[in-house]
Structure formats: C-alpha cells, structure tokens
C-alpha cells in the first residue's frame, strides 16, 4: 500500500502546495486506487504521479469546503474522457450528491461509467473489501469527517512441505486448504486446512482525517493505527487561533497520535503562511511529543508495510 500526497496545502493553493487531495494505491488488490478529497487542480497533479484516473474506484470526501471538492467535477469528467467504464463510488457529507449532479448537469458532462454517490453520517460503518471503514464526525465549521480503514486479516501461509510429507502433492485442492476448508480424498483421508496454515496476519489500519480541531473522535479513529494523517494548519503555541478557526496545531496532531497509540503520523493540510524553512518548526515541535512524525509535501510518497 502506498499513499501519494497530491495536495497538502490549506484553504488556497500556493507556489509550494496545492489544496487537499491524496491517493491510496492498492497494488495488492487488483491495482485499485482510492482518492481522499479532490481540491482544485488535483487531476493536474495526478499527471505527474503514479495515479491513474481509470484505476480510481472510490473517492472519499471529508467535507464540502471548496479546497477539498472543487477539483471533483473535472476529475469525474476526465475519467470518462479517458475511456473508463468501470463503476466509481463517491462518499461524502450530505450535499455531495447535489454538488456533483448540479455541476455535471450544468456543464453537460456525460459519464460513460456508472457513478454511485453515498452520503455519509457519523458512526457509519461500511465494508468495502479489503477494508472495513469507520466514519466519525470531527469538529470543524461545517460537518467534517474522518475515516478509519481497517484491512481485513490476511490468511496464514499454507505449509506445502508439511502437506507433501503427509502425502498430498500440490494441486487444485491446495486452494481449498488455503481457505481453511477441510477436504476428503477418495481413499478416505481427511486434511483440515487450519492444520496447515500459519497464524493469520493482522491487517493494516490507516486513519485519514478531514479538517478538525483537537477532538476525542480523532483519537478513537487513530487507535493503534499503522498510519495517522492529521491536519496541521497551525504551529505550536497557536492553539487559540486554531480553535477559533476550527483547525488543529502540529502539537495537537502529535498528541492525538500519542494518545491513540499510532505507529506513524504524517502532518498534512499546511497553511501557506509556512515556507519550506518555517515548516520545519512544525515537524520539530510535533516530534518532541511524537517522534514518529513526518511532514507531507506535494508529491510525497509513503509506503505502508
């Protein structure tokens, strides 16, 4: 699994950072790509990334501020122009369906593929293989949501050497045993798949949050996550300003990661007030609380092992 940051800025684009969007690439799952938010110029940044529009199967919108959705109509249209005919599902807060349908109808944009739109609510849980997705309402000026992706456990490895030693040569029956099933041979011998499988491998947990103040919901979404992606619109010592504008500081993001027991934190949604030089203060302050912190920038790639 790989995260590609397509836009890491806050509010408006700047010479250093585009507005919000990131992609989750799933090469181990038929090469699917899931997109999270779609600010203006997202598809332009996709052109210089490994992301392919035709591979995007799901788009998850955190909230309806323009810096998170204004690139969506154009991307939907371009996906169709590129010949995609496979279904696409967009998830987002109430109002996302009206936004999409109105912009497509007004611009006379025809989609050659089926488009499904799901309006989300607090505490909603959606199973979309390979993940169970938990959705929680955060604290922002308008409804803003966070997503917790829990990968389904991976089955254990089949011990082919033991099977061969027990008299079952490789063949189609191995597939049944890999699924944990029990098989019976014509001679009456029985093989139970669970006896030949190693311990299942726990799935990964990824928490991707929309714009938010410091809130307990963020901690719950990030519990034991392999990766937490949290906004960092403000710096250390700017807590009052962050609260006033419904955002969080870098140190509050680090506190969420620490209290949640997350393994890694990436700071995202960086205000244009920070230059390349001053942005280092964000990561230094956060690392004082949570050492496993990194700072996203446009084009940044992070692999989840």
Protein backbone atom coordinates (compact mmCIF):
# COMPACT_ATOMS: atom_id res chain seq x y z
CA UNK A 1 0.00 0.00 0.00
CA UNK A 2 1.24 3.45 -0.85
CA UNK A 3 0.00 6.95 -0.06
CA UNK A 4 0.62 9.66 -2.67
CA UNK A 5 0.05 13.24 -1.50
CA UNK A 6 -1.35 15.26 -4.41
CA UNK A 7 -2.10 18.42 -2.46
CA UNK A 8 -1.02 19.28 1.09
CA UNK A 9 -2.00 22.93 1.46
CA UNK A 10 -4.75 24.59 3.47
CA UNK A 11 -7.51 26.81 2.14
CA UNK A 12 -5.95 28.16 -1.05
CA UNK A 13 -3.20 26.93 -3.37
CA UNK A 14 0.29 28.38 -3.00
CA UNK A 15 3.51 28.09 -5.02
CA UNK A 16 4.64 25.36 -2.60
CA UNK A 17 1.44 23.41 -2.00
CA UNK A 18 -1.76 22.62 -3.87
CA UNK A 19 -5.03 22.21 -1.99
CA UNK A 20 -6.15 18.93 -0.44
CA UNK A 21 -6.02 15.52 -2.07
CA UNK A 22 -4.24 12.24 -1.51
CA UNK A 23 -4.40 8.81 -3.12
CA UNK A 24 -4.16 5.35 -1.59
CA UNK A 25 -2.67 2.90 -4.09
CA UNK A 26 -3.53 -0.77 -3.57
CA UNK A 27 -1.36 -2.83 -5.92
CA UNK A 28 -2.04 -5.96 -3.89
CA UNK A 29 -5.78 -5.55 -4.53
CA UNK A 30 -6.16 -5.55 -8.32
CA UNK A 31 -4.36 -2.23 -8.52
CA UNK A 32 -7.28 -0.22 -7.16
CA UNK A 33 -6.78 3.41 -6.13
CA UNK A 34 -8.84 5.25 -3.53
CA UNK A 35 -8.81 9.05 -3.55
CA UNK A 36 -9.35 11.17 -0.43
CA UNK A 37 -10.58 14.70 -1.16
CA UNK A 38 -10.25 16.36 -4.53
CA UNK A 39 -9.30 20.02 -4.36
CA UNK A 40 -8.80 22.22 -7.38
CA UNK A 41 -6.05 21.01 -9.78
CA UNK A 42 -5.98 17.51 -8.31
CA UNK A 43 -6.12 15.93 -11.76
CA UNK A 44 -3.27 18.17 -12.90
CA UNK A 45 -1.06 16.84 -10.09
CA UNK A 46 -2.14 13.31 -10.95
CA UNK A 47 -0.43 13.74 -14.32
CA UNK A 48 2.98 13.76 -12.64
CA UNK A 49 2.20 10.93 -10.23
CA UNK A 50 1.75 7.13 -10.39
CA UNK A 51 -2.02 7.61 -10.03
CA UNK A 52 -4.21 6.68 -13.00
CA UNK A 53 -7.75 8.02 -13.27
CA UNK A 54 -9.05 4.76 -14.70
CA UNK A 55 -7.80 2.91 -11.60
CA UNK A 56 -9.69 5.14 -9.16
CA UNK A 57 -12.67 3.15 -7.87
CA UNK A 58 -13.65 5.14 -4.77
CA UNK A 59 -13.41 8.78 -3.73
CA UNK A 60 -13.84 9.71 -0.08
CA UNK A 61 -14.64 13.38 0.61
CA UNK A 62 -14.07 14.60 4.17
CA UNK A 63 -16.10 17.83 3.93
CA UNK A 64 -17.56 20.27 1.45
CA UNK A 65 -15.21 23.24 1.68
CA UNK A 66 -14.02 24.25 -1.76
CA UNK A 67 -10.38 23.35 -1.21
CA UNK A 68 -11.49 19.75 -0.82
CA UNK A 69 -14.07 19.38 -3.63
CA UNK A 70 -13.58 21.93 -6.42
CA UNK A 71 -11.47 19.52 -8.44
CA UNK A 72 -14.05 16.75 -8.30
CA UNK A 73 -16.30 17.56 -11.32
CA UNK A 74 -13.34 17.90 -13.67
CA UNK A 75 -11.77 14.68 -12.47
CA UNK A 76 -15.02 12.77 -12.92
CA UNK A 77 -15.30 14.07 -16.46
CA UNK A 78 -11.67 13.32 -17.33
CA UNK A 79 -12.03 9.76 -16.06
CA UNK A 80 -14.82 9.31 -18.60
CA UNK A 81 -12.87 11.01 -21.41
CA UNK A 82 -10.05 8.53 -20.80
CA UNK A 83 -12.44 5.69 -21.56
CA UNK A 84 -13.15 4.34 -18.09
CA UNK A 85 -16.33 2.27 -17.95
CA UNK A 86 -15.87 0.64 -14.54
CA UNK A 87 -18.08 1.90 -11.69
CA UNK A 88 -16.94 4.68 -9.36
CA UNK A 89 -18.35 5.44 -5.92
CA UNK A 90 -18.09 8.82 -4.21
CA UNK A 91 -18.62 9.10 -0.46
CA UNK A 92 -19.15 12.43 1.26
CA UNK A 93 -21.25 14.53 3.63
CA UNK A 94 -24.84 15.42 2.92
CA UNK A 95 -24.89 17.77 -0.04
CA UNK A 96 -22.22 15.98 -2.06
CA UNK A 97 -24.84 14.43 -4.34
CA UNK A 98 -26.40 17.81 -5.12
CA UNK A 99 -22.97 19.32 -5.78
CA UNK A 100 -21.94 16.58 -8.19
CA UNK A 101 -25.22 16.30 -10.04
CA UNK A 102 -25.60 20.06 -10.41
CA UNK A 103 -22.08 20.65 -11.75
CA UNK A 104 -22.26 17.73 -14.17
CA UNK A 105 -25.69 18.73 -15.46
CA UNK A 106 -24.79 22.41 -15.76
CA UNK A 107 -21.61 21.62 -17.71
CA UNK A 108 -23.34 18.96 -19.84
CA UNK A 109 -20.76 16.41 -18.72
CA UNK A 110 -21.63 12.84 -19.71
CA UNK A 111 -20.09 9.95 -17.79
CA UNK A 112 -19.72 6.68 -19.65
CA UNK A 113 -19.34 4.77 -16.36
CA UNK A 114 -21.84 4.16 -13.51
CA UNK A 115 -21.44 6.74 -10.73
CA UNK A 116 -22.68 5.90 -7.25
CA UNK A 117 -22.92 8.57 -4.55
CA UNK A 118 -23.17 7.73 -0.85
CA UNK A 119 -23.88 10.47 1.68
CA UNK A 120 -22.20 9.61 4.98
CA UNK A 121 -23.17 10.11 8.62
CA UNK A 122 -21.46 9.94 12.00
CA UNK A 123 -20.70 6.41 13.24
CA UNK A 124 -21.41 4.91 9.83
CA UNK A 125 -19.54 1.69 9.09
CA UNK A 126 -19.02 0.46 5.56
CA UNK A 127 -17.40 -2.79 4.46
CA UNK A 128 -15.60 -2.26 1.19
CA UNK A 129 -13.06 -5.04 0.59
CA UNK A 130 -10.27 -5.03 1.50
CA UNK A 131 -11.28 -2.67 4.33
CA UNK A 132 -13.87 -2.07 6.99
CA UNK A 133 -14.32 1.71 7.04
CA UNK A 134 -15.44 3.55 10.18
CA UNK A 135 -16.63 7.15 9.76
CA UNK A 136 -16.71 9.73 12.55
CA UNK A 137 -17.80 13.35 12.68
CA UNK A 138 -14.95 15.66 13.67
CA UNK A 139 -15.05 19.30 14.87
CA UNK A 140 -14.93 21.86 12.08
CA UNK A 141 -17.01 24.84 10.96
CA UNK A 142 -19.11 22.55 8.78
CA UNK A 143 -19.61 18.76 9.02
CA UNK A 144 -16.16 17.23 8.51
CA UNK A 145 -15.41 13.54 8.80
CA UNK A 146 -12.52 11.22 9.46
CA UNK A 147 -12.06 7.75 8.00
CA UNK A 148 -10.56 4.71 9.72
CA UNK A 149 -9.63 1.95 7.28
CA UNK A 150 -9.10 -1.49 8.84
CA UNK A 151 -7.72 -4.00 6.38
CA UNK A 152 -9.20 -7.48 6.61
CA UNK A 153 -6.81 -10.02 8.19
CA UNK A 154 -4.62 -11.85 5.72
CA UNK A 155 -4.82 -15.67 5.79
CA UNK A 156 -1.83 -17.59 7.02
CA UNK A 157 0.67 -19.18 4.65
CA UNK A 158 -0.02 -22.74 3.57
CA UNK A 159 2.70 -25.18 4.67
CA UNK A 160 3.20 -27.03 1.38
CA UNK A 161 6.18 -29.01 2.69
CA UNK A 162 4.11 -30.49 5.52
CA UNK A 163 1.29 -31.34 3.13
CA UNK A 164 3.70 -33.10 0.79
CA UNK A 165 5.22 -35.01 3.69
CA UNK A 166 1.72 -36.06 4.75
CA UNK A 167 1.05 -37.45 1.29
CA UNK A 168 -0.84 -34.70 -0.53
CA UNK A 169 1.03 -33.47 -3.63
CA UNK A 170 0.46 -29.94 -4.99
CA UNK A 171 -2.76 -29.45 -6.92
CA UNK A 172 -6.13 -27.69 -7.03
CA UNK A 173 -7.02 -28.94 -3.53
CA UNK A 174 -4.38 -26.64 -2.08
CA UNK A 175 -6.66 -23.69 -2.86
CA UNK A 176 -9.39 -25.15 -0.66
CA UNK A 177 -6.91 -25.74 2.13
CA UNK A 178 -5.67 -22.13 1.84
CA UNK A 179 -9.23 -21.04 2.58
CA UNK A 180 -9.16 -23.12 5.75
CA UNK A 181 -11.54 -25.72 4.41
CA UNK A 182 -11.48 -29.46 5.15
CA UNK A 183 -11.12 -31.86 2.23
CA UNK A 184 -11.64 -35.61 1.99
CA UNK A 185 -9.79 -37.71 -0.58
CA UNK A 186 -11.33 -40.70 -2.40
CA UNK A 187 -9.31 -43.02 -0.15
CA UNK A 188 -10.96 -41.53 2.93
CA UNK A 189 -8.05 -39.45 4.18
CA UNK A 190 -9.04 -36.05 5.55
CA UNK A 191 -6.99 -32.85 5.54
CA UNK A 192 -8.03 -29.80 7.56
CA UNK A 193 -6.74 -26.54 6.13
CA UNK A 194 -6.34 -24.92 9.55
CA UNK A 195 -3.77 -27.58 10.46
CA UNK A 196 -1.52 -26.41 7.62
CA UNK A 197 -1.89 -22.65 7.85
CA UNK A 198 0.37 -20.27 9.76
CA UNK A 199 -1.13 -17.64 12.06
CA UNK A 200 -3.22 -15.11 10.13
CA UNK A 201 -1.55 -11.75 9.56
CA UNK A 202 -3.31 -8.76 11.06
CA UNK A 203 -4.47 -6.17 8.56
CA UNK A 204 -3.17 -2.61 8.48
CA UNK A 205 -5.04 0.35 9.92
CA UNK A 206 -4.98 3.74 8.20
CA UNK A 207 -6.65 6.84 9.66
CA UNK A 208 -7.25 9.79 7.33
CA UNK A 209 -8.87 12.79 8.96
CA UNK A 210 -10.51 15.86 7.49
CA UNK A 211 -10.13 19.38 8.87
CA UNK A 212 -10.72 19.39 12.61
CA UNK A 213 -9.98 20.83 15.99
CA UNK A 214 -8.39 18.57 18.60
CA UNK A 215 -11.13 16.06 19.44
CA UNK A 216 -11.61 12.69 21.09
CA UNK A 217 -13.15 11.35 17.88
CA UNK A 218 -9.75 11.72 16.19
CA UNK A 219 -8.12 9.65 18.92
CA UNK A 220 -10.71 6.92 18.52
CA UNK A 221 -10.25 6.82 14.76
CA UNK A 222 -6.47 6.61 15.15
CA UNK A 223 -6.33 3.92 17.84
CA UNK A 224 -3.37 1.59 17.13
CA UNK A 225 -3.26 2.84 13.53
CA UNK A 226 -0.27 1.98 11.39
CA UNK A 227 -0.59 5.46 9.94
CA UNK A 228 -2.45 8.59 11.01
CA UNK A 229 -2.78 11.51 8.59
CA UNK A 230 -3.79 14.61 10.54
CA UNK A 231 -4.12 18.26 9.60
CA UNK A 232 -1.54 20.76 10.89
CA UNK A 233 -2.84 24.13 9.80
CA UNK A 234 -1.24 25.92 12.76
CA UNK A 235 2.01 25.70 14.67
CA UNK A 236 2.86 25.14 18.32
CA UNK A 237 1.55 27.89 20.58
CA UNK A 238 -1.28 28.82 18.21
CA UNK A 239 -3.92 26.71 19.92
CA UNK A 240 -6.32 29.61 20.50
CA UNK A 241 -6.11 30.67 16.86
CA UNK A 242 -6.56 27.08 15.73
CA UNK A 243 -9.65 26.65 17.91
CA UNK A 244 -11.11 29.93 16.66
CA UNK A 245 -10.79 28.77 13.04
CA UNK A 246 -11.80 25.15 13.67
CA UNK A 247 -8.37 23.68 12.97
CA UNK A 248 -5.51 21.98 14.82
CA UNK A 249 -1.85 22.63 15.54
CA UNK A 250 1.08 20.34 14.83
CA UNK A 251 1.44 19.55 18.53
CA UNK A 252 -2.25 18.70 18.85
CA UNK A 253 -1.88 16.28 15.94
CA UNK A 254 1.10 14.72 17.72
CA UNK A 255 -0.93 14.45 20.91
CA UNK A 256 -3.67 12.59 19.03
CA UNK A 257 -1.12 10.13 17.65
CA UNK A 258 0.46 9.63 21.08
CA UNK A 259 -2.80 9.07 22.92
CA UNK A 260 -4.11 6.76 20.18
CA UNK A 261 -1.00 4.56 20.21
CA UNK A 262 -0.49 5.12 16.48
CA UNK A 263 2.72 3.90 14.88
CA UNK A 264 3.31 6.81 12.48
CA UNK A 265 1.97 10.33 11.96
CA UNK A 266 2.06 12.47 8.83
CA UNK A 267 1.24 16.16 9.16
CA UNK A 268 -0.94 17.44 6.31
CA UNK A 269 -3.05 20.49 5.35
CA UNK A 270 -0.25 23.01 5.92
CA UNK A 271 -1.08 26.72 5.86
CA UNK A 272 0.51 28.89 3.18
CA UNK A 273 1.94 31.04 6.00
CA UNK A 274 4.63 28.38 6.37
CA UNK A 275 7.56 28.40 3.97
CA UNK A 276 9.85 25.42 3.42
CA UNK A 277 12.11 26.79 6.14
CA UNK A 278 9.48 27.62 8.76
CA UNK A 279 7.58 24.36 8.09
CA UNK A 280 10.49 22.54 9.73
CA UNK A 281 9.31 24.08 13.01
CA UNK A 282 6.06 22.12 12.64
CA UNK A 283 7.77 18.77 12.45
CA UNK A 284 10.31 19.60 15.17
CA UNK A 285 7.56 20.62 17.60
CA UNK A 286 5.49 17.55 16.77
CA UNK A 287 8.44 15.17 17.09
CA UNK A 288 9.08 16.44 20.61
CA UNK A 289 5.76 14.82 21.50
CA UNK A 290 5.55 12.00 18.95
CA UNK A 291 8.94 11.15 17.40
CA UNK A 292 7.48 9.09 14.52
CA UNK A 293 6.20 12.22 12.79
CA UNK A 294 6.76 13.23 9.18
CA UNK A 295 5.69 16.27 7.19
CA UNK A 296 3.86 15.82 3.89
CA UNK A 297 4.56 17.84 0.78
CA UNK A 298 3.05 17.68 -2.70
CA UNK A 299 4.27 14.55 -4.44
CA UNK A 300 5.38 12.93 -1.20
CA UNK A 301 5.04 9.13 -1.18
CA UNK A 302 4.69 6.91 1.89
CA UNK A 303 4.65 3.11 1.77
CA UNK A 304 2.77 1.21 4.47
CA UNK A 305 4.49 -2.07 5.26
